[in-house]
Amino acid sequence: MRKQYRAEGLDAPELAACPYEQFARWFADAANSGLPEPNAMVVSTADASGRPSSRTVLLKSYDISGFVFYTNYASRKGRDLAENPYASLLFPWHQIARQVIISGPVAKVAREETVAYFRSRPHGSQLGAWASDQSAPIGSRAELERRYAELADRYPESERVPAPPFWGGYRVGAERMEFWQGRENRLHDRLVYVREEEGWRIERLCP
């Protein structure tokens, strides 16, 4: 169960000076390649004791201030981030033999930003955010569907669904951003941007 990568290489002179610009280039490549959900990323967090957990979440926006995703604040990742506000993001673009790994501090986005994004979501997704006590035990699928049905009766499509107070966005600010390009014989290219006071340092890592 091993694939031999034969992709073109990656060298420091080819990189953008800013890692966010380099991410934009690679994200566009991933989207244009036909990859399903190129904005899907693995978000890894750890609690106060250092116990890690990971899950797949969709990236909703990014700029030079960081990478934004939305979730229930009471979910496991929300609880982890309340205790230990750092995260790692992994974009696993296997079909094009690339990965991007981002790590750094995490902060909640402003409430008005959360509300604006929530209003852009499909009506069903808005109801789902209210119906699910994310990461909490539930007795059955029927119970979850009952909650959703009650909310659908309360908020038909003609009604505005308020953004839940327990739900919102997180922004991950990059301290490190690694660009991984698969190469032949497992001699992969790994180039990482490291934030410093005066800007970004780029270094090559052994594969």
C-alpha atoms as a PDB file:
ATOM      1  CA  MET A   1       0.000   0.000   0.000  1.00  0.00           C
ATOM      2  CA  ARG A   2       2.587   2.468  -1.155  1.00  0.00           C
ATOM      3  CA  LYS A   3       2.483   5.061  -3.917  1.00  0.00           C
ATOM      4  CA  GLN A   4       5.579   6.267  -5.733  1.00  0.00           C
ATOM      5  CA  TYR A   5       5.354  10.050  -6.060  1.00  0.00           C
ATOM      6  CA  ARG A   6       6.724  11.523  -9.258  1.00  0.00           C
ATOM      7  CA  ALA A   7       5.699  15.136  -8.845  1.00  0.00           C
ATOM      8  CA  GLU A   8       7.828  18.108  -9.750  1.00  0.00           C
ATOM      9  CA  GLY A   9      10.072  19.429  -7.008  1.00  0.00           C
ATOM     10  CA  LEU A  10       9.811  22.455  -4.742  1.00  0.00           C
ATOM     11  CA  ASP A  11      12.716  24.770  -3.963  1.00  0.00           C
ATOM     12  CA  ALA A  12      13.004  27.881  -1.793  1.00  0.00           C
ATOM     13  CA  PRO A  13      13.570  30.377  -4.657  1.00  0.00           C
ATOM     14  CA  GLU A  14      10.185  29.353  -6.093  1.00  0.00           C
ATOM     15  CA  LEU A  15       8.297  30.241  -2.919  1.00  0.00           C
ATOM     16  CA  ALA A  16       6.430  33.468  -2.285  1.00  0.00           C
ATOM     17  CA  ALA A  17       7.971  35.745   0.354  1.00  0.00           C
ATOM     18  CA  CYS A  18       4.767  35.458   2.406  1.00  0.00           C
ATOM     19  CA  PRO A  19       3.408  32.007   3.367  1.00  0.00           C
ATOM     20  CA  TYR A  20      -0.176  33.206   2.970  1.00  0.00           C
ATOM     21  CA  GLU A  21       0.545  34.038  -0.671  1.00  0.00           C
ATOM     22  CA  GLN A  22       2.154  30.626  -1.126  1.00  0.00           C
ATOM     23  CA  PHE A  23      -0.890  28.989   0.443  1.00  0.00           C
ATOM     24  CA  ALA A  24      -3.151  30.905  -1.943  1.00  0.00           C
ATOM     25  CA  ARG A  25      -1.149  29.535  -4.902  1.00  0.00           C
ATOM     26  CA  TRP A  26      -1.364  25.951  -3.692  1.00  0.00           C
ATOM     27  CA  PHE A  27      -5.005  26.267  -2.666  1.00  0.00           C
ATOM     28  CA  ALA A  28      -5.840  27.479  -6.183  1.00  0.00           C
ATOM     29  CA  ASP A  29      -3.916  24.519  -7.627  1.00  0.00           C
ATOM     30  CA  ALA A  30      -5.856  22.120  -5.392  1.00  0.00           C
ATOM     31  CA  ALA A  31      -9.201  23.664  -6.337  1.00  0.00           C
ATOM     32  CA  ASN A  32      -8.391  23.692 -10.057  1.00  0.00           C
ATOM     33  CA  SER A  33      -7.237  20.059  -9.958  1.00  0.00           C
ATOM     34  CA  GLY A  34     -10.776  18.869  -9.287  1.00  0.00           C
ATOM     35  CA  LEU A  35     -10.055  17.727  -5.745  1.00  0.00           C
ATOM     36  CA  PRO A  36     -13.273  17.249  -3.744  1.00  0.00           C
ATOM     37  CA  GLU A  37     -13.497  19.789  -0.927  1.00  0.00           C
ATOM     38  CA  PRO A  38      -9.949  21.202  -1.140  1.00  0.00           C
ATOM     39  CA  ASN A  39     -10.853  23.319   1.898  1.00  0.00           C
ATOM     40  CA  ALA A  40     -11.198  20.206   4.085  1.00  0.00           C
ATOM     41  CA  MET A  41      -8.518  20.232   6.779  1.00  0.00           C
ATOM     42  CA  VAL A  42      -7.644  18.120   9.793  1.00  0.00           C
ATOM     43  CA  VAL A  43      -7.755  20.273  12.934  1.00  0.00           C
ATOM     44  CA  SER A  44      -5.688  18.917  15.826  1.00  0.00           C
ATOM     45  CA  THR A  45      -6.017  20.273  19.355  1.00  0.00           C
ATOM     46  CA  ALA A  46      -4.897  19.181  22.818  1.00  0.00           C
ATOM     47  CA  ASP A  47      -6.448  19.624  26.240  1.00  0.00           C
ATOM     48  CA  ALA A  48      -4.721  21.059  29.302  1.00  0.00           C
ATOM     49  CA  SER A  49      -3.128  17.659  29.991  1.00  0.00           C
ATOM     50  CA  GLY A  50      -1.737  17.419  26.470  1.00  0.00           C
ATOM     51  CA  ARG A  51      -4.155  14.718  25.264  1.00  0.00           C
ATOM     52  CA  PRO A  52      -4.568  15.303  21.513  1.00  0.00           C
ATOM     53  CA  SER A  53      -7.631  14.939  19.316  1.00  0.00           C
ATOM     54  CA  SER A  54      -8.212  15.477  15.596  1.00  0.00           C
ATOM     55  CA  ARG A  55     -11.156  15.894  13.259  1.00  0.00           C
ATOM     56  CA  THR A  56     -11.885  17.125   9.725  1.00  0.00           C
ATOM     57  CA  VAL A  57     -13.329  20.636   9.436  1.00  0.00           C
ATOM     58  CA  LEU A  58     -13.897  22.947   6.476  1.00  0.00           C
ATOM     59  CA  LEU A  59     -11.811  26.087   6.112  1.00  0.00           C
ATOM     60  CA  LYS A  60     -14.211  28.989   5.607  1.00  0.00           C
ATOM     61  CA  SER A  61     -11.872  31.934   5.055  1.00  0.00           C
ATOM     62  CA  TYR A  62      -8.276  33.013   5.373  1.00  0.00           C
ATOM     63  CA  ASP A  63      -6.124  36.114   5.090  1.00  0.00           C
ATOM     64  CA  ILE A  64      -2.864  37.341   6.603  1.00  0.00           C
ATOM     65  CA  SER A  65      -4.455  37.314  10.075  1.00  0.00           C
ATOM     66  CA  GLY A  66      -5.144  33.571   9.969  1.00  0.00           C
ATOM     67  CA  PHE A  67      -7.349  30.637   8.960  1.00  0.00           C
ATOM     68  CA  VAL A  68     -10.997  30.539  10.065  1.00  0.00           C
ATOM     69  CA  PHE A  69     -13.338  27.643  10.822  1.00  0.00           C
ATOM     70  CA  TYR A  70     -16.643  27.440  12.721  1.00  0.00           C
ATOM     71  CA  THR A  71     -17.879  25.026  15.344  1.00  0.00           C
ATOM     72  CA  ASN A  72     -19.799  24.552  18.576  1.00  0.00           C
ATOM     73  CA  TYR A  73     -17.824  26.132  21.432  1.00  0.00           C
ATOM     74  CA  ALA A  74     -18.855  23.233  23.710  1.00  0.00           C
ATOM     75  CA  SER A  75     -17.510  20.582  21.308  1.00  0.00           C
ATOM     76  CA  ARG A  76     -14.357  18.689  22.186  1.00  0.00           C
ATOM     77  CA  LYS A  77     -12.215  21.000  20.078  1.00  0.00           C
ATOM     78  CA  GLY A  78     -13.912  24.001  21.648  1.00  0.00           C
ATOM     79  CA  ARG A  79     -13.179  22.688  25.134  1.00  0.00           C
ATOM     80  CA  ASP A  80      -9.586  21.922  24.153  1.00  0.00           C
ATOM     81  CA  LEU A  81      -9.081  25.413  22.764  1.00  0.00           C
ATOM     82  CA  ALA A  82     -10.498  26.995  25.924  1.00  0.00           C
ATOM     83  CA  GLU A  83      -7.806  25.171  27.918  1.00  0.00           C
ATOM     84  CA  ASN A  84      -4.977  25.242  25.383  1.00  0.00           C
ATOM     85  CA  PRO A  85      -5.490  27.848  22.620  1.00  0.00           C
ATOM     86  CA  TYR A  86      -3.172  26.376  20.004  1.00  0.00           C
ATOM     87  CA  ALA A  87      -3.950  24.178  17.008  1.00  0.00           C
ATOM     88  CA  SER A  88      -2.439  22.450  14.011  1.00  0.00           C
ATOM     89  CA  LEU A  89      -4.145  22.404  10.595  1.00  0.00           C
ATOM     90  CA  LEU A  90      -3.352  19.798   7.948  1.00  0.00           C
ATOM     91  CA  PHE A  91      -4.538  20.048   4.337  1.00  0.00           C
ATOM     92  CA  PRO A  92      -4.075  16.489   2.936  1.00  0.00           C
ATOM     93  CA  TRP A  93      -4.128  16.984  -0.822  1.00  0.00           C
ATOM     94  CA  HIS A  94      -3.028  13.418  -1.557  1.00  0.00           C
ATOM     95  CA  GLN A  95      -4.234  13.336  -5.160  1.00  0.00           C
ATOM     96  CA  ILE A  96      -1.719  16.025  -6.120  1.00  0.00           C
ATOM     97  CA  ALA A  97       0.985  14.761  -3.703  1.00  0.00           C
ATOM     98  CA  ARG A  98       0.897  17.871  -1.538  1.00  0.00           C
ATOM     99  CA  GLN A  99       0.246  18.755   2.073  1.00  0.00           C
ATOM    100  CA  VAL A 100       0.213  22.032   3.986  1.00  0.00           C
ATOM    101  CA  ILE A 101       0.657  22.012   7.764  1.00  0.00           C
ATOM    102  CA  ILE A 102      -0.061  25.164   9.766  1.00  0.00           C
ATOM    103  CA  SER A 103       0.359  25.658  13.501  1.00  0.00           C
ATOM    104  CA  GLY A 104      -0.148  28.588  15.816  1.00  0.00           C
ATOM    105  CA  PRO A 105      -2.316  30.289  18.424  1.00  0.00           C
ATOM    106  CA  VAL A 106      -6.108  30.328  18.181  1.00  0.00           C
ATOM    107  CA  ALA A 107      -8.647  33.019  19.090  1.00  0.00           C
ATOM    108  CA  LYS A 108     -12.387  33.354  18.605  1.00  0.00           C
ATOM    109  CA  VAL A 109     -13.483  35.601  15.752  1.00  0.00           C
ATOM    110  CA  ALA A 110     -15.576  38.672  16.514  1.00  0.00           C
ATOM    111  CA  ARG A 111     -19.251  37.951  17.154  1.00  0.00           C
ATOM    112  CA  GLU A 112     -20.365  40.086  14.220  1.00  0.00           C
ATOM    113  CA  GLU A 113     -18.149  38.001  11.920  1.00  0.00           C
ATOM    114  CA  THR A 114     -19.738  34.807  13.254  1.00  0.00           C
ATOM    115  CA  VAL A 115     -23.259  36.174  12.764  1.00  0.00           C
ATOM    116  CA  ALA A 116     -22.499  37.299   9.212  1.00  0.00           C
ATOM    117  CA  TYR A 117     -21.128  33.881   8.307  1.00  0.00           C
ATOM    118  CA  PHE A 118     -24.009  32.058  10.030  1.00  0.00           C
ATOM    119  CA  ARG A 119     -26.532  33.989   7.924  1.00  0.00           C
ATOM    120  CA  SER A 120     -24.734  32.832   4.761  1.00  0.00           C
ATOM    121  CA  ARG A 121     -25.185  29.146   5.642  1.00  0.00           C
ATOM    122  CA  PRO A 122     -27.993  27.064   4.121  1.00  0.00           C
ATOM    123  CA  HIS A 123     -31.161  27.045   6.223  1.00  0.00           C
ATOM    124  CA  GLY A 124     -30.745  23.360   7.074  1.00  0.00           C
ATOM    125  CA  SER A 125     -27.195  23.902   8.297  1.00  0.00           C
ATOM    126  CA  GLN A 126     -28.390  26.753  10.492  1.00  0.00           C
ATOM    127  CA  LEU A 127     -30.949  24.463  12.106  1.00  0.00           C
ATOM    128  CA  GLY A 128     -28.348  21.725  12.470  1.00  0.00           C
ATOM    129  CA  ALA A 129     -26.113  24.023  14.513  1.00  0.00           C
ATOM    130  CA  TRP A 130     -28.953  24.426  17.034  1.00  0.00           C
ATOM    131  CA  ALA A 131     -30.037  20.765  16.987  1.00  0.00           C
ATOM    132  CA  SER A 132     -26.632  19.231  17.745  1.00  0.00           C
ATOM    133  CA  ASP A 133     -24.917  19.452  21.120  1.00  0.00           C
ATOM    134  CA  GLN A 134     -21.709  18.647  19.316  1.00  0.00           C
ATOM    135  CA  SER A 135     -19.531  15.959  20.964  1.00  0.00           C
ATOM    136  CA  ALA A 136     -22.161  15.290  23.690  1.00  0.00           C
ATOM    137  CA  PRO A 137     -23.710  11.778  23.978  1.00  0.00           C
ATOM    138  CA  ILE A 138     -27.189  11.286  22.492  1.00  0.00           C
ATOM    139  CA  GLY A 139     -29.478   8.303  22.872  1.00  0.00           C
ATOM    140  CA  SER A 140     -30.393   7.738  19.236  1.00  0.00           C
ATOM    141  CA  ARG A 141     -30.516   9.115  15.733  1.00  0.00           C
ATOM    142  CA  ALA A 142     -34.259   9.533  16.225  1.00  0.00           C
ATOM    143  CA  GLU A 143     -33.654  11.949  19.080  1.00  0.00           C
ATOM    144  CA  LEU A 144     -31.397  14.088  16.902  1.00  0.00           C
ATOM    145  CA  GLU A 145     -33.940  14.109  14.091  1.00  0.00           C
ATOM    146  CA  ARG A 146     -36.729  15.009  16.557  1.00  0.00           C
ATOM    147  CA  ARG A 147     -34.745  18.042  17.708  1.00  0.00           C
ATOM    148  CA  TYR A 148     -34.194  19.089  14.110  1.00  0.00           C
ATOM    149  CA  ALA A 149     -37.883  18.669  13.232  1.00  0.00           C
ATOM    150  CA  GLU A 150     -38.925  20.826  16.180  1.00  0.00           C
ATOM    151  CA  LEU A 151     -36.542  23.554  15.072  1.00  0.00           C
ATOM    152  CA  ALA A 152     -37.788  23.314  11.478  1.00  0.00           C
ATOM    153  CA  ASP A 153     -41.323  23.906  12.750  1.00  0.00           C
ATOM    154  CA  ARG A 154     -40.162  26.835  14.862  1.00  0.00           C
ATOM    155  CA  TYR A 155     -38.035  28.402  12.131  1.00  0.00           C
ATOM    156  CA  PRO A 156     -39.497  27.759   8.661  1.00  0.00           C
ATOM    157  CA  GLU A 157     -37.422  28.925   5.712  1.00  0.00           C
ATOM    158  CA  SER A 158     -39.239  32.254   5.758  1.00  0.00           C
ATOM    159  CA  GLU A 159     -37.953  32.954   9.304  1.00  0.00           C
ATOM    160  CA  ARG A 160     -34.440  34.162  10.162  1.00  0.00           C
ATOM    161  CA  VAL A 161     -32.615  31.693  12.379  1.00  0.00           C
ATOM    162  CA  PRO A 162     -30.569  33.454  15.081  1.00  0.00           C
ATOM    163  CA  ALA A 163     -26.920  32.502  15.415  1.00  0.00           C
ATOM    164  CA  PRO A 164     -26.521  30.242  18.470  1.00  0.00           C
ATOM    165  CA  PRO A 165     -24.616  31.870  21.328  1.00  0.00           C
ATOM    166  CA  PHE A 166     -22.667  28.633  21.816  1.00  0.00           C
ATOM    167  CA  TRP A 167     -21.468  28.503  18.203  1.00  0.00           C
ATOM    168  CA  GLY A 168     -18.899  30.560  16.340  1.00  0.00           C
ATOM    169  CA  GLY A 169     -15.594  30.943  14.578  1.00  0.00           C
ATOM    170  CA  TYR A 170     -11.974  30.395  15.492  1.00  0.00           C
ATOM    171  CA  ARG A 171      -8.994  31.959  13.762  1.00  0.00           C
ATOM    172  CA  VAL A 172      -5.685  30.089  13.705  1.00  0.00           C
ATOM    173  CA  GLY A 173      -2.745  32.462  13.368  1.00  0.00           C
ATOM    174  CA  ALA A 174       0.276  30.877  11.700  1.00  0.00           C
ATOM    175  CA  GLU A 175       3.582  30.650  13.533  1.00  0.00           C
ATOM    176  CA  ARG A 176       4.800  27.884  11.221  1.00  0.00           C
ATOM    177  CA  MET A 177       3.555  26.896   7.782  1.00  0.00           C
ATOM    178  CA  GLU A 178       5.028  23.846   6.056  1.00  0.00           C
ATOM    179  CA  PHE A 179       4.631  23.038   2.363  1.00  0.00           C
ATOM    180  CA  TRP A 180       5.183  19.350   1.599  1.00  0.00           C
ATOM    181  CA  GLN A 181       5.655  18.104  -1.951  1.00  0.00           C
ATOM    182  CA  GLY A 182       5.764  14.349  -2.533  1.00  0.00           C
ATOM    183  CA  ARG A 183       8.829  13.148  -4.464  1.00  0.00           C
ATOM    184  CA  GLU A 184      10.235   9.892  -5.774  1.00  0.00           C
ATOM    185  CA  ASN A 185      11.897   7.394  -3.370  1.00  0.00           C
ATOM    186  CA  ARG A 186      10.383   9.185  -0.375  1.00  0.00           C
ATOM    187  CA  LEU A 187      12.809  12.064  -0.800  1.00  0.00           C
ATOM    188  CA  HIS A 188      10.000  14.566  -0.367  1.00  0.00           C
ATOM    189  CA  ASP A 189      10.464  18.329  -0.417  1.00  0.00           C
ATOM    190  CA  ARG A 190       9.543  19.998   2.885  1.00  0.00           C
ATOM    191  CA  LEU A 191       9.893  23.765   3.090  1.00  0.00           C
ATOM    192  CA  VAL A 192       8.693  25.565   6.191  1.00  0.00           C
ATOM    193  CA  TYR A 193       8.091  29.231   6.974  1.00  0.00           C
ATOM    194  CA  VAL A 194       8.886  30.163  10.593  1.00  0.00           C
ATOM    195  CA  ARG A 195       7.613  33.464  11.963  1.00  0.00           C
ATOM    196  CA  GLU A 196      10.258  35.773  13.414  1.00  0.00           C
ATOM    197  CA  GLU A 197      10.105  39.354  14.669  1.00  0.00           C
ATOM    198  CA  GLU A 198      11.309  40.792  11.377  1.00  0.00           C
ATOM    199  CA  GLY A 199       9.245  38.511   9.130  1.00  0.00           C
ATOM    200  CA  TRP A 200       9.464  34.913   7.943  1.00  0.00           C
ATOM    201  CA  ARG A 201      12.426  32.537   7.785  1.00  0.00           C
ATOM    202  CA  ILE A 202      12.273  29.715   5.248  1.00  0.00           C
ATOM    203  CA  GLU A 203      14.110  26.474   5.915  1.00  0.00           C
ATOM    204  CA  ARG A 204      14.220  23.059   4.288  1.00  0.00           C
ATOM    205  CA  LEU A 205      13.506  19.974   6.403  1.00  0.00           C
ATOM    206  CA  CYS A 206      14.646  16.419   5.805  1.00  0.00           C
ATOM    207  CA  PRO A 207      11.778  14.236   4.545  1.00  0.00           C
END
